Structure formats: C-alpha cells, structure tokens
Protein backbone atom coordinates (compact mmCIF):
# COMPACT_ATOMS: atom_id res chain seq x y z
CA MET A 1 23.61 -17.81 28.23
CA THR A 2 25.71 -18.34 24.81
CA LYS A 3 26.02 -15.10 23.27
CA ILE A 4 24.97 -15.39 19.35
CA PRO A 5 28.03 -14.58 17.25
CA GLU A 6 27.27 -11.13 15.32
CA ASN A 7 26.21 -11.93 11.67
CA PRO A 8 28.52 -9.97 9.11
CA ALA A 9 25.42 -9.10 7.01
CA GLU A 10 24.09 -7.42 9.92
CA ARG A 11 26.91 -5.06 9.86
CA LEU A 12 28.13 -1.94 8.38
CA MET A 13 30.16 -2.04 4.56
CA PHE A 14 32.78 -0.09 6.64
CA GLU A 15 33.02 -2.50 9.06
CA ILE A 16 33.20 -5.66 6.68
CA SER A 17 35.46 -4.08 4.22
CA LYS A 18 38.85 -5.81 3.74
CA PRO A 19 41.77 -4.18 1.86
CA GLY A 20 42.06 -5.65 -1.81
CA ARG A 21 38.36 -7.06 -1.87
CA ARG A 22 36.59 -6.05 -5.28
CA CYS A 23 33.47 -7.06 -6.46
CA VAL A 24 34.59 -7.26 -10.40
CA THR A 25 38.27 -6.84 -11.18
CA PHE A 26 39.03 -4.95 -14.62
CA PRO A 27 41.88 -5.69 -16.87
CA ALA A 28 45.00 -4.28 -17.35
CA LEU A 29 44.53 -0.96 -19.66
CA ASP A 30 45.46 -1.20 -23.33
CA VAL A 31 45.42 2.51 -24.13
CA PRO A 32 48.15 4.69 -22.74
CA GLU A 33 47.18 6.19 -19.07
CA VAL A 34 46.18 9.55 -18.77
CA ASP A 35 47.73 12.09 -16.48
CA VAL A 36 44.72 13.11 -14.27
CA ASP A 37 46.54 16.27 -12.79
CA VAL A 38 47.42 17.30 -16.52
CA ALA A 39 44.00 16.44 -17.94
CA LEU A 40 41.68 18.31 -15.54
CA LYS A 41 44.30 21.03 -14.79
CA GLY A 42 42.19 23.45 -12.71
CA VAL A 43 39.57 21.51 -11.45
CA LYS A 44 40.00 20.55 -7.52
CA LEU A 45 40.62 17.20 -7.31
CA ARG A 46 40.73 15.29 -3.76
CA SER A 47 44.28 15.01 -2.69
CA GLU A 48 43.87 11.24 -2.07
CA PRO A 49 41.30 8.76 -2.80
CA ALA A 50 38.36 8.48 -1.19
CA ARG A 51 38.20 6.18 1.86
CA LEU A 52 35.41 3.85 0.50
CA PRO A 53 34.65 0.20 1.29
CA GLU A 54 36.10 -2.70 -0.07
CA ILE A 55 33.96 -5.34 -0.49
CA GLY A 56 32.88 -8.59 -1.72
CA GLU A 57 29.68 -8.83 -4.43
CA LEU A 58 28.15 -11.45 -2.02
CA ASP A 59 29.11 -9.59 0.83
CA LEU A 60 27.66 -6.28 -0.93
CA VAL A 61 24.38 -8.21 -2.24
CA ARG A 62 23.71 -9.50 1.22
CA HIS A 63 24.11 -6.31 2.84
CA PHE A 64 21.37 -4.62 0.89
CA LYS A 65 19.38 -7.28 0.52
CA ASN A 66 19.56 -7.19 4.58
CA LEU A 67 18.60 -3.69 4.63
CA ALA A 68 15.89 -4.24 2.11
CA ASP A 69 14.21 -6.82 4.71
CA LYS A 70 14.43 -4.39 7.17
CA ASN A 71 12.57 -1.45 5.26
CA TYR A 72 9.08 -1.20 5.44
CA SER A 73 6.15 -0.56 2.73
CA VAL A 74 2.30 -0.83 2.40
CA ASP A 75 3.33 -4.02 0.53
CA LYS A 76 4.51 -5.87 3.56
CA ASN A 77 2.04 -4.61 6.29
CA PHE A 78 -0.91 -1.89 7.48
CA TYR A 79 0.14 1.83 7.18
CA PRO A 80 -1.96 3.39 9.42
CA LEU A 81 -0.03 7.17 8.81
CA GLY A 82 -2.59 9.67 8.95
CA SER A 83 -3.41 12.55 6.70
CA CYS A 84 -0.72 10.90 4.37
CA THR A 85 -3.46 8.20 2.33
CA MET A 86 -1.09 5.49 2.12
CA LYS A 87 -2.68 2.87 0.04
CA TYR A 88 -1.84 0.23 -1.72
CA ASN A 89 -0.92 0.64 -5.36
CA PRO A 90 -1.73 -1.73 -7.71
CA LYS A 91 1.38 -2.90 -9.59
CA ILE A 92 -0.73 -2.82 -13.21
CA ASN A 93 -0.02 0.73 -12.60
CA VAL A 94 3.94 0.36 -12.44
CA THR A 95 3.71 -2.60 -15.28
CA LEU A 96 1.98 -0.28 -17.74
CA LEU A 97 4.18 2.78 -16.88
CA ALA A 98 7.21 0.37 -18.12
CA GLN A 99 6.07 0.47 -21.17
CA PRO A 100 8.94 2.06 -23.62
CA GLY A 101 6.23 3.60 -25.38
CA TYR A 102 6.46 5.65 -22.00
CA THR A 103 10.05 5.20 -20.73
CA LYS A 104 11.82 6.07 -23.78
CA ALA A 105 9.52 9.25 -24.59
CA HIS A 106 11.47 12.32 -24.03
CA PRO A 107 10.15 15.48 -23.82
CA TYR A 108 11.30 17.07 -26.92
CA LEU A 109 9.89 14.97 -29.31
CA PRO A 110 7.76 16.80 -31.78
CA GLU A 111 3.62 16.83 -30.92
CA ALA A 112 3.19 14.38 -33.80
CA ASP A 113 5.23 11.78 -32.18
CA VAL A 114 3.62 11.70 -28.63
CA GLN A 115 -0.30 12.24 -29.45
CA GLY A 116 -1.02 9.30 -27.04
CA HIS A 117 0.61 11.08 -24.62
CA LEU A 118 -0.85 14.31 -25.15
CA GLU A 119 -4.72 12.50 -25.37
CA LEU A 120 -3.42 10.81 -21.61
CA MET A 121 -3.04 14.09 -20.39
CA TYR A 122 -6.17 15.86 -22.10
CA ASN A 123 -8.28 12.94 -20.68
CA LEU A 124 -6.91 13.09 -17.07
CA GLU A 125 -7.58 17.10 -16.72
CA HIS A 126 -10.97 16.24 -17.94
CA TYR A 127 -11.34 13.36 -15.04
CA LEU A 128 -10.10 15.68 -12.41
CA CYS A 129 -12.62 18.82 -13.64
CA GLU A 130 -15.37 15.85 -13.42
CA VAL A 131 -14.21 14.94 -9.55
CA SER A 132 -13.54 18.82 -8.58
CA GLY A 133 -16.70 20.36 -10.48
CA LEU A 134 -14.55 22.77 -11.41
CA ASP A 135 -13.58 24.35 -15.32
CA GLU A 136 -9.80 23.80 -16.22
CA VAL A 137 -6.96 22.12 -14.70
CA THR A 138 -3.06 22.14 -14.84
CA LEU A 139 -1.35 18.95 -14.53
CA GLN A 140 2.50 20.86 -14.00
CA PRO A 141 2.73 21.21 -10.29
CA ALA A 142 4.92 18.14 -8.93
CA ALA A 143 3.53 17.79 -5.27
CA GLY A 144 0.99 19.08 -3.24
CA ALA A 145 2.67 21.99 -1.41
CA HIS A 146 3.49 22.78 -5.12
CA GLY A 147 -0.22 22.64 -6.02
CA GLU A 148 -1.07 24.96 -3.24
CA LEU A 149 1.53 27.49 -4.21
CA THR A 150 1.11 27.66 -7.87
CA GLY A 151 -3.38 28.13 -7.05
CA VAL A 152 -2.17 30.78 -4.86
CA MET A 153 -0.25 32.27 -7.51
CA CYS A 154 -3.13 32.05 -9.51
CA ILE A 155 -5.28 33.96 -6.85
CA LYS A 156 -2.62 36.86 -6.64
CA ALA A 157 -1.92 37.13 -10.46
CA TYR A 158 -5.81 37.24 -11.14
CA PHE A 159 -6.21 40.45 -8.04
CA GLU A 160 -3.35 42.01 -9.99
CA ASP A 161 -4.79 42.03 -12.84
CA LYS A 162 -7.94 43.71 -11.35
CA GLY A 163 -5.84 46.28 -9.60
CA GLU A 164 -6.47 45.16 -6.04
CA ALA A 165 -2.77 43.24 -5.32
CA ASP A 166 -1.93 46.36 -3.02
CA GLN A 167 -5.36 46.15 -1.18
CA ARG A 168 -5.39 42.36 -0.67
CA THR A 169 -2.49 41.21 1.23
CA GLU A 170 -4.34 38.25 3.82
CA ILE A 171 -4.87 34.87 3.56
CA LEU A 172 -7.21 33.38 5.65
CA ILE A 173 -5.90 29.96 7.08
CA PRO A 174 -8.08 27.30 9.63
CA SER A 175 -6.00 25.95 12.48
CA ALA A 176 -6.95 22.36 11.54
CA ALA A 177 -5.76 23.44 7.92
CA HIS A 178 -3.17 21.64 6.60
CA GLY A 179 0.50 22.11 7.50
CA THR A 180 1.85 23.39 4.47
CA ASN A 181 -0.82 26.20 3.92
CA PRO A 182 0.60 29.26 5.66
CA ALA A 183 4.00 28.41 4.19
CA THR A 184 2.46 28.52 1.11
CA ALA A 185 0.56 32.08 1.71
CA ALA A 186 3.83 33.36 2.85
CA MET A 187 5.94 32.21 0.14
CA ALA A 188 2.88 33.77 -2.29
CA GLY A 189 3.87 37.25 -0.70
CA PHE A 190 0.55 37.21 1.59
CA LYS A 191 0.14 37.44 4.81
CA ALA A 192 -1.28 34.46 6.74
CA VAL A 193 -3.93 34.91 9.52
CA THR A 194 -4.70 32.00 11.50
CA LEU A 195 -8.92 31.24 12.19
CA LYS A 196 -9.13 29.12 15.50
CA GLU A 197 -11.95 26.71 15.45
CA ALA A 198 -14.92 26.28 16.99
CA ALA A 199 -15.33 23.33 19.77
CA ASN A 200 -16.98 20.95 17.62
CA GLY A 201 -13.49 21.29 15.05
CA ASN A 202 -15.30 23.00 12.62
CA ILE A 203 -14.82 26.53 11.10
CA ASP A 204 -15.80 29.31 13.83
CA ILE A 205 -18.34 31.75 11.36
CA GLU A 206 -18.33 34.51 13.84
CA GLU A 207 -14.69 34.23 13.56
CA LEU A 208 -14.39 34.30 10.03
CA LYS A 209 -16.89 37.02 9.60
CA LYS A 210 -14.69 38.86 12.10
CA LYS A 211 -11.49 38.72 9.96
CA VAL A 212 -12.54 38.63 6.65
CA GLY A 213 -12.64 41.83 4.88
CA PRO A 214 -11.43 43.75 1.55
CA GLN A 215 -7.88 43.09 3.22
CA THR A 216 -8.65 39.18 2.49
CA ALA A 217 -7.23 37.59 -0.92
CA GLY A 218 -8.92 34.35 -0.10
CA MET A 219 -8.98 31.60 2.62
CA MET A 220 -7.41 28.28 2.54
CA ILE A 221 -9.15 25.12 3.82
CA THR A 222 -8.75 21.40 4.11
CA ASN A 223 -11.98 19.68 3.63
CA PRO A 224 -11.99 17.13 5.68
CA SER A 225 -9.84 18.77 7.81
CA THR A 226 -6.77 17.37 9.04
CA LEU A 227 -8.95 16.05 12.15
CA GLY A 228 -10.49 14.07 9.78
CA ILE A 229 -13.97 16.02 10.31
CA LEU A 230 -16.12 17.21 7.61
CA GLU A 231 -17.04 21.22 7.21
CA PRO A 232 -20.93 21.24 6.72
CA LYS A 233 -21.09 25.09 6.23
CA MET A 234 -18.93 24.97 3.31
CA ARG A 235 -21.59 27.06 1.07
CA GLU A 236 -22.20 29.56 3.94
CA ILE A 237 -18.00 30.04 4.22
CA ALA A 238 -17.96 30.84 0.53
CA GLU A 239 -20.58 33.26 0.78
CA ILE A 240 -18.91 35.02 3.13
CA LEU A 241 -15.79 35.01 1.41
CA HIS A 242 -17.09 35.77 -2.13
CA GLY A 243 -19.46 38.56 -0.23
CA VAL A 244 -15.74 40.68 -0.28
CA GLY A 245 -14.52 39.96 -3.26
CA ALA A 246 -12.39 36.95 -1.75
CA GLN A 247 -11.35 33.60 -3.04
CA LEU A 248 -11.61 30.29 -1.77
CA TYR A 249 -9.03 27.77 -2.02
CA MET A 250 -9.26 24.12 -1.22
CA ASP A 251 -6.30 21.70 -0.18
CA GLY A 252 -7.65 18.72 -1.60
CA ALA A 253 -5.02 16.25 0.43
CA ASN A 254 -8.31 14.83 1.95
CA MET A 255 -9.78 13.88 -1.05
CA ASN A 256 -9.55 10.55 -0.71
CA ALA A 257 -12.94 10.97 1.44
CA ILE A 258 -15.17 12.65 -0.98
CA SER A 259 -13.85 11.84 -4.34
CA GLY A 260 -17.27 11.02 -6.70
CA ILE A 261 -19.39 11.73 -3.44
CA VAL A 262 -19.50 15.31 -3.93
CA GLN A 263 -17.77 17.95 -5.81
CA PRO A 264 -15.67 20.98 -4.09
CA GLY A 265 -17.10 23.38 -7.28
CA ASP A 266 -20.52 22.61 -5.69
CA TYR A 267 -20.03 24.32 -2.73
CA GLY A 268 -18.23 27.13 -3.72
CA ILE A 269 -14.78 26.65 -4.52
CA ASP A 270 -12.77 28.77 -6.89
CA VAL A 271 -9.35 26.46 -6.86
CA MET A 272 -7.73 23.48 -5.46
CA HIS A 273 -5.50 20.96 -6.13
CA PHE A 274 -5.09 17.22 -5.82
CA ASN A 275 -2.66 14.58 -4.88
CA LEU A 276 -2.43 12.07 -7.36
CA HIS A 277 0.34 10.58 -4.92
CA LYS A 278 -2.28 10.04 -2.33
CA THR A 279 -5.91 10.25 -3.57
CA PHE A 280 -5.07 8.05 -6.81
CA SER A 281 -2.50 5.69 -6.01
CA VAL A 282 0.91 6.76 -6.88
CA PRO A 283 3.61 5.54 -4.74
CA HIS A 284 4.99 8.10 -2.48
CA GLY A 285 7.29 9.04 0.10
CA GLY A 286 11.05 9.92 0.72
CA GLY A 287 10.15 13.12 -1.15
CA GLY A 288 8.36 11.93 -4.17
CA PRO A 289 7.30 11.17 -7.25
CA GLY A 290 4.53 13.36 -6.86
CA ALA A 291 1.63 14.97 -8.98
CA GLY A 292 -0.25 17.94 -7.55
CA PRO A 293 -2.29 19.09 -10.03
CA ILE A 294 -4.77 22.46 -9.51
CA ALA A 295 -8.15 22.39 -10.65
CA VAL A 296 -10.09 26.30 -11.27
CA ARG A 297 -12.78 28.51 -12.02
CA LYS A 298 -13.16 29.57 -15.84
CA HIS A 299 -12.23 33.32 -13.95
CA LEU A 300 -8.78 31.76 -12.85
CA ALA A 301 -8.05 29.65 -16.09
CA PRO A 302 -6.04 32.50 -17.70
CA TYR A 303 -3.30 32.41 -15.28
CA LEU A 304 -2.82 28.58 -15.41
CA PRO A 305 0.87 27.46 -16.29
CA THR A 306 1.72 27.39 -19.62
CA PRO A 307 1.87 24.96 -21.80
CA ARG A 308 -1.70 23.84 -21.98
CA VAL A 309 -2.78 20.56 -23.59
CA LYS A 310 -5.83 21.32 -26.49
CA LYS A 311 -7.37 19.30 -28.67
CA ASN A 312 -7.54 20.36 -32.12
CA ASP A 313 -10.69 20.47 -34.69
CA ASP A 314 -9.25 17.71 -36.61
CA GLY A 315 -8.81 15.56 -33.19
CA SER A 316 -5.43 16.04 -32.97
CA PHE A 317 -3.48 17.44 -29.66
CA SER A 318 -0.97 20.09 -29.55
CA PHE A 319 0.55 22.18 -26.53
CA ASP A 320 -1.11 26.15 -25.98
CA TYR A 321 1.67 28.24 -25.21
CA ASN A 322 -0.55 31.48 -26.03
CA ARG A 323 -1.85 32.30 -22.84
CA PRO A 324 -0.60 35.83 -21.99
CA LYS A 325 -1.53 36.00 -18.46
CA THR A 326 -0.10 32.90 -17.22
CA VAL A 327 2.21 32.45 -14.02
CA GLY A 328 4.35 30.91 -16.46
CA LYS A 329 5.74 27.60 -16.15
CA VAL A 330 5.79 25.99 -12.22
CA ARG A 331 7.32 22.68 -13.37
CA SER A 332 10.02 22.00 -15.71
CA PHE A 333 8.25 20.47 -19.23
CA PHE A 334 4.96 19.05 -18.24
CA GLY A 335 4.75 17.32 -14.77
CA ASN A 336 5.92 14.31 -13.21
CA PHE A 337 4.60 12.38 -16.34
CA GLY A 338 5.34 8.69 -14.68
CA ALA A 339 3.06 9.76 -12.05
CA LEU A 340 0.44 11.36 -13.84
CA VAL A 341 0.55 7.84 -16.07
CA MET A 342 -0.18 5.81 -12.91
CA ALA A 343 -3.06 8.08 -11.98
CA TYR A 344 -4.69 7.81 -14.68
CA ILE A 345 -4.39 4.03 -14.99
CA TYR A 346 -6.09 3.99 -11.42
CA MET A 347 -9.05 6.19 -12.71
CA THR A 348 -9.64 4.52 -15.29
CA GLN A 349 -9.81 1.24 -13.71
CA LEU A 350 -12.15 2.25 -11.41
CA GLY A 351 -14.20 4.50 -13.44
CA ARG A 352 -17.03 6.90 -11.84
CA GLU A 353 -18.18 4.32 -9.65
CA GLY A 354 -15.11 2.45 -8.64
CA VAL A 355 -13.95 6.04 -7.45
CA ARG A 356 -17.22 6.65 -5.32
CA ARG A 357 -16.94 3.22 -3.88
CA MET A 358 -13.28 4.38 -2.91
CA SER A 359 -14.04 7.26 -0.93
CA GLN A 360 -17.09 5.26 0.86
CA ASN A 361 -14.99 2.51 1.60
CA ALA A 362 -11.98 4.84 3.28
CA VAL A 363 -14.29 6.79 5.32
CA LEU A 364 -16.07 3.57 6.19
CA GLY A 365 -12.94 2.13 7.63
CA ALA A 366 -11.94 4.98 9.61
CA ASN A 367 -15.53 5.13 11.35
CA TYR A 368 -14.90 1.22 12.47
CA ILE A 369 -11.72 2.02 13.85
CA ARG A 370 -13.04 5.13 15.71
CA VAL A 371 -16.09 3.34 17.29
CA MET A 372 -13.58 -0.17 17.96
CA LEU A 373 -11.46 1.98 19.56
CA ARG A 374 -13.70 4.65 21.23
CA ASP A 375 -13.41 2.36 24.68
CA TYR A 376 -9.55 2.29 24.83
CA TYR A 377 -8.54 5.68 23.70
CA HIS A 378 -10.07 8.81 23.87
CA VAL A 379 -11.22 10.45 20.32
CA HIS A 380 -10.89 14.20 19.82
CA HIS A 381 -14.21 14.57 18.09
CA ASP A 382 -16.06 11.17 18.54
CA ARG A 383 -18.22 11.71 15.97
CA THR A 384 -18.76 10.76 12.31
CA ASN A 385 -15.43 11.27 10.55
CA ALA A 386 -14.03 11.46 7.27
CA HIS A 387 -11.37 9.46 5.74
CA GLU A 388 -9.23 9.38 8.97
CA VAL A 389 -9.85 9.69 12.72
CA VAL A 390 -7.74 11.39 15.53
CA PHE A 391 -7.06 9.54 19.07
CA THR A 392 -5.10 11.26 21.80
CA ASP A 393 -3.19 9.93 24.64
CA LEU A 394 -4.95 11.37 27.49
CA LYS A 395 -6.30 8.09 29.26
CA GLN A 396 -2.58 6.75 29.08
CA ASP A 397 -0.99 9.76 29.98
CA LYS A 398 -3.17 10.38 32.81
CA GLU A 399 -3.62 7.22 34.25
CA ASN A 400 0.39 5.67 33.32
CA GLY A 401 2.22 8.26 32.26
CA VAL A 402 2.28 7.03 28.51
CA HIS A 403 2.73 9.18 25.55
CA THR A 404 1.66 9.07 22.12
CA LEU A 405 5.02 8.19 20.73
CA ASP A 406 5.49 5.45 23.45
CA ILE A 407 2.02 3.83 21.87
CA ALA A 408 3.71 4.43 18.02
CA LYS A 409 7.00 2.56 18.88
CA ARG A 410 4.88 -0.38 20.29
CA LEU A 411 2.91 -0.75 16.74
CA ILE A 412 6.22 -1.55 15.41
CA ASP A 413 6.95 -4.99 17.40
CA TYR A 414 3.38 -5.83 15.83
CA GLY A 415 4.49 -5.53 12.72
CA ILE A 416 2.05 -2.08 12.01
CA HIS A 417 4.09 0.92 10.68
CA PRO A 418 3.39 3.91 13.84
CA MET A 419 0.26 6.22 12.81
CA THR A 420 1.00 10.22 12.60
CA VAL A 421 1.51 11.38 16.28
CA TYR A 422 2.98 15.08 15.23
CA PHE A 423 0.08 16.33 13.84
CA PRO A 424 -2.25 17.59 14.91
CA LEU A 425 -0.35 19.84 17.55
CA PRO A 426 -1.29 19.46 20.97
CA GLN A 427 -2.86 22.96 20.78
CA ASN A 428 -5.44 21.07 18.40
CA THR A 429 -6.25 18.38 20.56
CA GLY A 430 -6.36 19.87 24.08
CA GLY A 431 -2.84 19.89 24.70
CA GLN A 432 -2.78 16.02 24.41
CA GLY A 433 -0.61 14.00 22.02
CA ALA A 434 -2.39 13.20 18.43
CA MET A 435 -2.82 9.76 17.33
CA MET A 436 -4.38 10.07 13.35
CA VAL A 437 -5.06 6.78 12.20
CA GLU A 438 -5.65 6.51 8.32
CA PRO A 439 -6.56 2.90 7.31
CA THR A 440 -7.46 3.85 3.38
CA GLU A 441 -9.78 1.59 0.96
CA THR A 442 -7.74 -0.86 -0.06
CA GLU A 443 -6.91 -2.87 3.26
CA SER A 444 -9.02 -5.51 4.00
CA LYS A 445 -11.39 -5.83 7.14
CA GLU A 446 -8.81 -8.81 8.62
CA SER A 447 -6.03 -6.38 8.28
CA ILE A 448 -8.20 -3.54 10.17
CA ASP A 449 -9.23 -5.62 12.57
CA TYR A 450 -5.48 -7.05 13.40
CA PHE A 451 -4.76 -3.32 14.02
CA ILE A 452 -7.37 -2.70 16.39
CA ASP A 453 -6.40 -5.88 18.43
CA CYS A 454 -3.17 -4.61 18.29
CA MET A 455 -4.25 -1.41 19.45
CA LYS A 456 -6.76 -3.00 22.49
CA LYS A 457 -3.71 -5.25 23.73
CA ILE A 458 -1.09 -1.97 23.30
CA ALA A 459 -4.14 -0.08 25.92
CA GLN A 460 -3.88 -3.15 28.53
CA GLU A 461 0.08 -3.10 28.30
CA CYS A 462 -0.54 0.44 29.30
CA LYS A 463 -2.00 -0.56 32.75
CA ASP A 464 -0.46 -4.04 33.20
CA ASN A 465 3.25 -2.87 32.09
CA PRO A 466 3.82 0.32 31.08
CA GLU A 467 7.83 0.32 30.91
CA LEU A 468 7.17 -2.25 27.98
CA VAL A 469 5.51 0.43 25.86
CA LYS A 470 7.78 3.57 27.09
CA THR A 471 10.65 1.16 26.01
CA ALA A 472 9.32 -0.26 22.78
CA PRO A 473 10.37 -1.05 20.25
CA HIS A 474 11.74 -4.36 21.31
CA THR A 475 11.98 -6.49 17.88
CA THR A 476 14.12 -3.83 15.65
CA PRO A 477 18.39 -3.53 15.35
CA VAL A 478 18.16 0.01 16.81
CA SER A 479 15.96 0.38 20.40
CA LYS A 480 14.34 3.43 21.29
CA VAL A 481 15.98 6.54 20.28
CA ASP A 482 16.30 10.07 21.56
CA GLU A 483 14.66 11.59 19.10
CA LYS A 484 15.04 15.20 20.20
CA THR A 485 18.71 15.18 20.85
CA ALA A 486 18.84 13.47 17.68
CA SER A 487 16.98 16.42 15.80
CA THR A 488 18.74 19.41 18.25
CA ASN A 489 21.91 17.86 18.18
CA PRO A 490 23.28 15.60 15.88
CA GLN A 491 26.08 13.31 15.98
CA LEU A 492 27.15 12.51 12.19
CA TYR A 493 29.35 9.65 11.51
CA CYS A 494 31.12 9.44 8.13
CA ALA A 495 33.81 6.37 8.10
CA MET A 496 35.07 7.88 4.96
CA CYS A 497 35.82 11.24 6.63
CA LEU A 498 37.99 9.45 9.18
CA GLY A 499 41.80 8.53 8.94
C-alpha cells in the first residue's frame, strides 16, 4: 500500500522552518542604529537571538487554520460536558458587545459619560435579584469560585461584625457539592467539614443535625447537586442552619435547572453566586472570561464589595463607595464588564418566560437522555434528575473491562466532545467511573438523538469489539495517550531551547 506523503500544513512550525524565510521584509533603516547594550544598560539580555521559526506567510496561515479546524467548540457539534453548561452562545451577544460604545469605554471615564453602562449593570443586578429571590447583588467577582470566595468572605465579615468570628470556625460541605467549595472555605479561613450524602444522593438530615452547632459559620450546598439531583428538603436544611445562627450558602453553578422556576431565597438561602458564563450564555473555557456575581439577603448586603451602582433621585446612575463594612474590592474596576453585557443581552432576549423555558428544556433534555440510555449504561440515581445525568461504567467494566475514559475517548470518533468523566469521584458513585452528561437547553432533539445513538453504538462496541473502544480515538492526529504519566512525569519539549 502506497504511503501518503505528509502534508507540511500538519507539521509543527519548527519542523517546516527554513533559514531566511519571512512573512514580511522591512525596509532598510533610515535612522541611525542604536547600540542595544548601551540603550538597555543594566537590563539582562539574551546572549543570542531566540530560535524562532522562520516561515512564509502562506505556510503560517495554513498552520494556524489547520490548528483551528482541529479545535472543538459548541459551534461544531454537541458538547455534553457535565457540570459545565456548554450551551450555544448566540452571536448577537458578541455582535452587540463589539459596538464602540462598549469596546472603547475606559473604566476611568467620568460617570456622566458612562450612564448607559451603569444602567446596564444596575438592571442586571435587579434581574439577578429577581431570579434568586434575594435582596442585593454585586457583579464584581470574575468567576464562579471567585463568587464563592466573595460570598463566604461576606459571611465571615458578618460574624466578625457580631463578635462571633472566633466561635464560628466551620463550614459544612456535602460530598456531592461543587468541587471548589472546600477550597473556598479553606481560603476564607474556615475548616471544611464534609457531610456524607444519604443513599438517595440527597443531604443526610440526621448527619447534618449531628455536625451543626455553635461552631458552624455556614453550609455550602449545590442545588441541584453535581449528581444532577434536586434537594427536596431545602427549607428544613435552612431551618437547621438558621437555628444555630449559621448562614446557608448556595453554589449557583447549576442554576440552569431552576432559573425562573424557583427562587433560592424562597427556601432559605442567605447568599449565592451565579455563573453568568454558564447559565446566561457567556462564552467560557480555557480560563475565561467569566463572571460570578453574588446575591445576598439584606443582613449581608453591607459587606458586599465596593463600588456599588446606585440610582439617584434624578434618575441618573453613580458609583457608591460609602460602604464602611465592605469586604473591599475583589476585582479590578467593576468586574468582567464584557461578560456582564453578554449575559444582560441573553436575559433581555429571553425575558421572564424565556428564562423559565430555558431551565425546563435543559431538564427535559437531561431526563430524555437518562431514559433513552438507562438500558445501555448504569444510571447512578435512576430517578427524575435535573439538568444533568450521571451514568457509570458498571456494566461495561464488569462485562468487558471497558471504563469511562475509554467510552469518552470513543465519542471523539463520532464528532462529539467527551462528557465529564473525572467528576463525580468514584467515592460518590459506588466505586465506578462517572459519565456526567449535560445537554443544555440549546440542543435540538435531533442533536440529542444523535448523541444517544452514538452512545448505544459504543455500548454495543464494548461487547463486540472492546479493544476498539479501549484504544480510541482513531480519527485524531494523536491517538490515545497515557494521561496519568503525562500528568505525573511530563516530558516537555521546547524547540527554542534546543541547540
């Protein structure tokens, strides 16, 4: 069989580099040359130029276009990454954000010149108050975990103000809560105390009663949990916490299941954060941009970060810095403003009824997947779930030695991004690997059906040809890699560092 020649566009730039090639040639200097050693005296300089690739413009363009084509995004196909809410981001969000009034606005402009920006922030705060059922909102936090930390800092400031800081040292965290919660509690200076879940995946009320006490500052709960399960006893949980003077924090990472349907404030939440980059369609991934506003009850409002946007008696808007009990600033200027604009556009387009339908469709899609695949994969909690569903590899592992990572990698061959497989941890799924699937409301039934058909096909492949699944993917430039060794013993390659 004739071997197909290697396409240079598939190679690294260093591999196709040739001395003397350039994307552009500059004219000769028409000013005197400067001695760099003299001009930058005292500055550490390289002993020789960096070994950068030398390449023509067309080859450069083809290289990056080829990389872009290999990249995966929700614009290309289904992205069922559980707990991440990888929904489609309408292009109107970016189109409107690109208007000069947004892109050229500097945060140091006088308040009189940014009245529209302030009004947008003011309105967005009130939208989030309505969704949460809480009293006040700050837009400053730049991400979900950042919002968590800000919220827990407000709780700490509240107890410091009451003179109870030395007594309130613990934060209770359910084992099925969002993974960042224990780190947040520790960073805020609290001891994280784990609450084991009951057999049905919900909070064990008796366990909670045993661990709560005068030492408890609060509890961080994710509802729905990262198992995709709604907590039916939220009011009872809130009463238990409030009974000892503690606060109830809700991680709002999974608000895509309940927005417009129920207000967390109605069942006793004192403070919560939103992930605008998840629930309200701001593009995210690769570290940003994000936005993690927090909403609080009135008794925690004095501790929110400054500045706050306020509406004056004459209808104008301004920043309020006069908040002596504030925890201070948690983000430069006023938060990730571009992310706030996109979330505002999304919510404004949807309206109240649209936000409700968003959550209803997300929950419908996840339950449809659960029911259609329950005969092919073990469902960790096979009951009505929220916005996501957790399968495990119990059947495939027991019958053919195929694990979640194998199944996830095989999905790539069908053009679908793998689901979340490293969370929930095996300790939360009976020792089995998890497959957390979240379709979001933006996927059509046809797209979800394609995913279901692919998962059924993979389940059959696990029986008929398990090695095919174990060695997947087969359609990518790089085949299956040893991820454990790559993480624990990385072999780093830098062409610029080689002689």
